[in-house]
Amino acid sequence: MKWATLVLGVLLIGVVTFGTPLSLCSYHSPQTSLTDLKLSMSYRYFDNPAVPGVEVNSGKLRQTRPQLLAALRLSRLRVHSVRERVYRPGDFAIAGGLGQGSGTFHYYLSDQTPIFGFGGSNASYALGQTKPALNVSVGVGYGRFSDVTPLAKAVNIQKDLLALGTITDPLSNDTLMAIAKEIGKKVEYATIKD
């Protein structure tokens, strides 16, 4: 009796699980992560023979490091930019410098509601500045893009095919997911009909 109840329970759960419709939130786009680092250096030396001494003898080192992370519910852009130092050859003493950093994020509080929180900060510091500058902002927003995910486009394709009479029955969840994954591989389609 216990085995029969267990088998019946497993079958019931399986039927309920496989019988549920495919939600647009079932498709999870891959996480996008980008980090980049740029270094640049310049050096200038100028010595006019008609004037005693060296007129220009300086160099600059510049570093920029943007970082982007985008996922289904979280979007964050953090930029560490423009760290610049001026060096004088010979002693390599730092004559000046500037450091800046900023970051923003958007986070949907729920997959079902179009309410999201956002925030950001911007900070900078320059040598010789008495205090660093800091700006912080936070807030709540309302809105969400619609029909932009590959699965939403696949569902719209299914609707068009049903309306044209090309197919008589709705596509299976596996077929819709396969179409969505194929659309997700492409950079962009001009229209859903493409």
Protein backbone atom coordinates (compact mmCIF):
# COMPACT_ATOMS: atom_id res chain seq x y z
CA MET A 1 0.00 0.00 0.00
CA LYS A 2 2.85 2.35 0.83
CA TRP A 3 4.49 1.69 -2.55
CA ALA A 4 1.24 2.32 -4.40
CA THR A 5 0.77 5.62 -2.58
CA LEU A 6 4.37 6.64 -3.34
CA VAL A 7 4.06 5.76 -7.04
CA LEU A 8 0.72 7.56 -7.29
CA GLY A 9 2.21 10.65 -5.61
CA VAL A 10 5.23 10.70 -7.94
CA LEU A 11 2.97 10.32 -11.00
CA LEU A 12 0.67 13.09 -9.79
CA ILE A 13 3.59 15.46 -9.21
CA GLY A 14 5.01 14.59 -12.64
CA VAL A 15 1.71 15.26 -14.40
CA VAL A 16 1.25 18.59 -12.60
CA THR A 17 4.85 19.60 -13.32
CA PHE A 18 4.77 18.72 -17.02
CA GLY A 19 1.25 20.09 -17.45
CA THR A 20 2.11 23.63 -16.37
CA PRO A 21 2.39 26.19 -19.16
CA LEU A 22 5.76 27.62 -20.12
CA SER A 23 6.33 31.01 -18.49
CA LEU A 24 8.23 33.80 -20.19
CA CYS A 25 10.45 33.80 -17.13
CA SER A 26 11.46 30.19 -17.86
CA TYR A 27 14.05 31.41 -20.34
CA HIS A 28 17.13 32.73 -18.58
CA SER A 29 19.46 34.75 -20.72
CA PRO A 30 23.12 34.14 -20.04
CA GLN A 31 24.96 36.47 -17.75
CA THR A 32 27.05 39.05 -19.55
CA SER A 33 30.29 40.07 -17.92
CA LEU A 34 32.85 42.38 -19.46
CA THR A 35 36.04 43.67 -17.92
CA ASP A 36 38.54 45.77 -19.79
CA LEU A 37 41.80 47.41 -18.82
CA LYS A 38 43.56 50.11 -20.78
CA LEU A 39 46.95 51.54 -19.96
CA SER A 40 48.52 54.40 -21.82
CA MET A 41 51.68 56.38 -21.28
CA SER A 42 53.06 59.52 -22.80
CA TYR A 43 56.35 61.27 -22.33
CA ARG A 44 57.42 64.66 -23.65
CA TYR A 45 60.89 66.11 -23.66
CA PHE A 46 61.73 69.45 -25.21
CA ASP A 47 65.04 71.28 -24.96
CA ASN A 48 65.40 74.51 -26.90
CA PRO A 49 69.11 75.12 -27.55
CA ALA A 50 68.54 78.89 -27.54
CA VAL A 51 67.20 78.86 -23.98
CA PRO A 52 69.16 77.55 -20.99
CA GLY A 53 67.71 74.50 -19.27
CA VAL A 54 65.11 71.97 -20.34
CA GLU A 55 61.70 73.48 -21.08
CA VAL A 56 59.54 70.33 -20.95
CA ASN A 57 60.43 67.06 -19.27
CA SER A 58 57.29 65.22 -18.14
CA GLY A 59 55.30 62.05 -18.62
CA LYS A 60 51.83 60.71 -17.92
CA LEU A 61 50.52 57.26 -17.10
CA ARG A 62 46.79 56.70 -17.61
CA GLN A 63 44.74 53.67 -16.57
CA THR A 64 41.07 53.01 -17.39
CA ARG A 65 39.22 49.89 -16.21
CA PRO A 66 35.51 49.56 -17.07
CA GLN A 67 33.55 46.56 -15.79
CA LEU A 68 30.04 45.55 -16.89
CA LEU A 69 27.84 42.84 -15.38
CA ALA A 70 24.34 42.22 -16.74
CA ALA A 71 22.06 39.37 -15.70
CA LEU A 72 18.34 38.68 -15.87
CA ARG A 73 17.36 40.51 -12.68
CA LEU A 74 20.49 42.51 -11.96
CA SER A 75 22.22 45.05 -14.13
CA ARG A 76 25.33 46.73 -12.82
CA LEU A 77 27.87 48.95 -14.51
CA ARG A 78 31.00 49.83 -12.63
CA VAL A 79 33.63 52.04 -14.15
CA HIS A 80 37.01 52.73 -12.64
CA SER A 81 38.41 55.36 -14.88
CA VAL A 82 41.11 57.89 -15.39
CA ARG A 83 43.83 57.26 -12.92
CA GLU A 84 46.39 59.68 -14.16
CA ARG A 85 49.80 60.41 -12.73
CA VAL A 86 52.41 62.83 -13.93
CA TYR A 87 55.99 61.62 -13.57
CA ARG A 88 59.17 63.60 -13.87
CA PRO A 89 61.97 61.44 -15.24
CA GLY A 90 64.97 61.00 -13.02
CA ASP A 91 63.29 61.09 -9.64
CA PHE A 92 59.86 59.71 -10.70
CA ALA A 93 58.14 61.79 -8.03
CA ILE A 94 54.38 62.03 -8.43
CA ALA A 95 53.65 65.63 -9.37
CA GLY A 96 49.89 65.20 -9.65
CA GLY A 97 47.23 62.56 -9.80
CA LEU A 98 43.53 61.98 -10.27
CA GLY A 99 41.43 58.95 -9.40
CA GLN A 100 37.78 58.47 -10.33
CA GLY A 101 35.31 55.64 -9.90
CA SER A 102 31.61 55.20 -10.49
CA GLY A 103 29.06 52.43 -10.31
CA THR A 104 25.34 51.91 -10.97
CA PHE A 105 22.90 49.05 -10.55
CA HIS A 106 19.26 48.19 -11.33
CA TYR A 107 17.51 45.32 -9.55
CA TYR A 108 13.97 44.07 -10.20
CA LEU A 109 12.34 43.27 -6.87
CA SER A 110 10.25 40.47 -8.42
CA ASP A 111 10.06 38.63 -11.73
CA GLN A 112 6.34 39.38 -11.95
CA THR A 113 6.18 43.10 -11.11
CA PRO A 114 7.74 45.98 -13.04
CA ILE A 115 9.13 47.65 -9.91
CA PHE A 116 12.89 47.98 -9.60
CA GLY A 117 15.41 49.62 -7.34
CA PHE A 118 18.40 51.51 -8.61
CA GLY A 119 21.40 53.22 -7.17
CA GLY A 120 24.75 54.60 -8.03
CA SER A 121 27.80 56.36 -6.77
CA ASN A 122 30.53 58.52 -8.17
CA ALA A 123 33.76 59.28 -6.35
CA SER A 124 36.90 61.15 -7.25
CA TYR A 125 40.07 62.24 -5.58
CA ALA A 126 42.91 64.40 -6.81
CA LEU A 127 46.28 64.87 -5.16
CA GLY A 128 46.23 68.13 -3.29
CA GLN A 129 42.45 67.99 -2.78
CA THR A 130 41.55 68.23 0.90
CA LYS A 131 38.64 65.75 0.72
CA PRO A 132 37.48 63.20 -1.82
CA ALA A 133 34.28 64.00 -3.72
CA LEU A 134 31.44 61.50 -3.32
CA ASN A 135 27.97 61.49 -4.88
CA VAL A 136 25.43 58.75 -4.03
CA SER A 137 21.94 58.28 -5.48
CA VAL A 138 19.24 55.67 -4.82
CA GLY A 139 15.65 55.29 -5.93
CA VAL A 140 12.76 53.13 -7.03
CA GLY A 141 11.42 52.89 -10.57
CA TYR A 142 8.47 51.41 -12.39
CA GLY A 143 8.60 49.81 -15.84
CA ARG A 144 9.88 46.84 -17.74
CA PHE A 145 10.75 46.07 -21.32
CA SER A 146 8.27 43.73 -22.97
CA ASP A 147 8.69 41.21 -25.77
CA VAL A 148 12.44 41.61 -25.86
CA THR A 149 13.57 38.24 -24.55
CA PRO A 150 14.14 35.41 -27.01
CA LEU A 151 11.31 33.40 -25.43
CA ALA A 152 8.87 36.30 -25.86
CA LYS A 153 9.88 36.49 -29.52
CA ALA A 154 9.39 32.73 -29.89
CA VAL A 155 5.87 32.99 -28.41
CA ASN A 156 5.08 35.82 -30.84
CA ILE A 157 6.33 33.68 -33.74
CA GLN A 158 4.02 30.89 -32.57
CA LYS A 159 1.08 33.35 -32.48
CA ASP A 160 1.87 34.50 -36.03
CA LEU A 161 2.13 30.90 -37.29
CA LEU A 162 -1.21 30.01 -35.65
CA ALA A 163 -2.85 33.14 -37.11
CA LEU A 164 -1.54 32.33 -40.61
CA GLY A 165 -2.76 28.75 -40.31
CA THR A 166 0.73 27.37 -40.89
CA ILE A 167 0.42 25.29 -37.72
CA THR A 168 -2.82 23.98 -36.25
CA ASP A 169 -1.74 23.32 -32.65
CA PRO A 170 0.45 25.35 -30.29
CA LEU A 171 4.09 24.33 -30.21
CA SER A 172 5.40 22.22 -27.34
CA ASN A 173 7.37 23.85 -24.55
CA ASP A 174 10.55 22.12 -25.73
CA THR A 175 10.07 23.46 -29.27
CA LEU A 176 9.42 26.99 -27.98
CA MET A 177 12.54 26.79 -25.82
CA ALA A 178 14.60 25.52 -28.78
CA ILE A 179 13.37 28.43 -30.93
CA ALA A 180 14.16 30.86 -28.11
CA LYS A 181 17.68 29.49 -27.76
CA GLU A 182 18.21 29.85 -31.52
CA ILE A 183 16.96 33.44 -31.44
CA GLY A 184 19.21 34.11 -28.44
CA LYS A 185 22.23 33.09 -30.52
CA LYS A 186 21.59 35.80 -33.12
CA VAL A 187 22.74 39.36 -32.58
CA GLU A 188 19.47 40.95 -33.65
CA TYR A 189 16.50 40.32 -35.88
CA ALA A 190 14.93 43.34 -37.56
CA THR A 191 11.38 42.06 -36.97
CA ILE A 192 9.73 39.03 -35.44
CA LYS A 193 8.81 37.88 -38.96
CA ASP A 194 12.52 37.51 -39.82
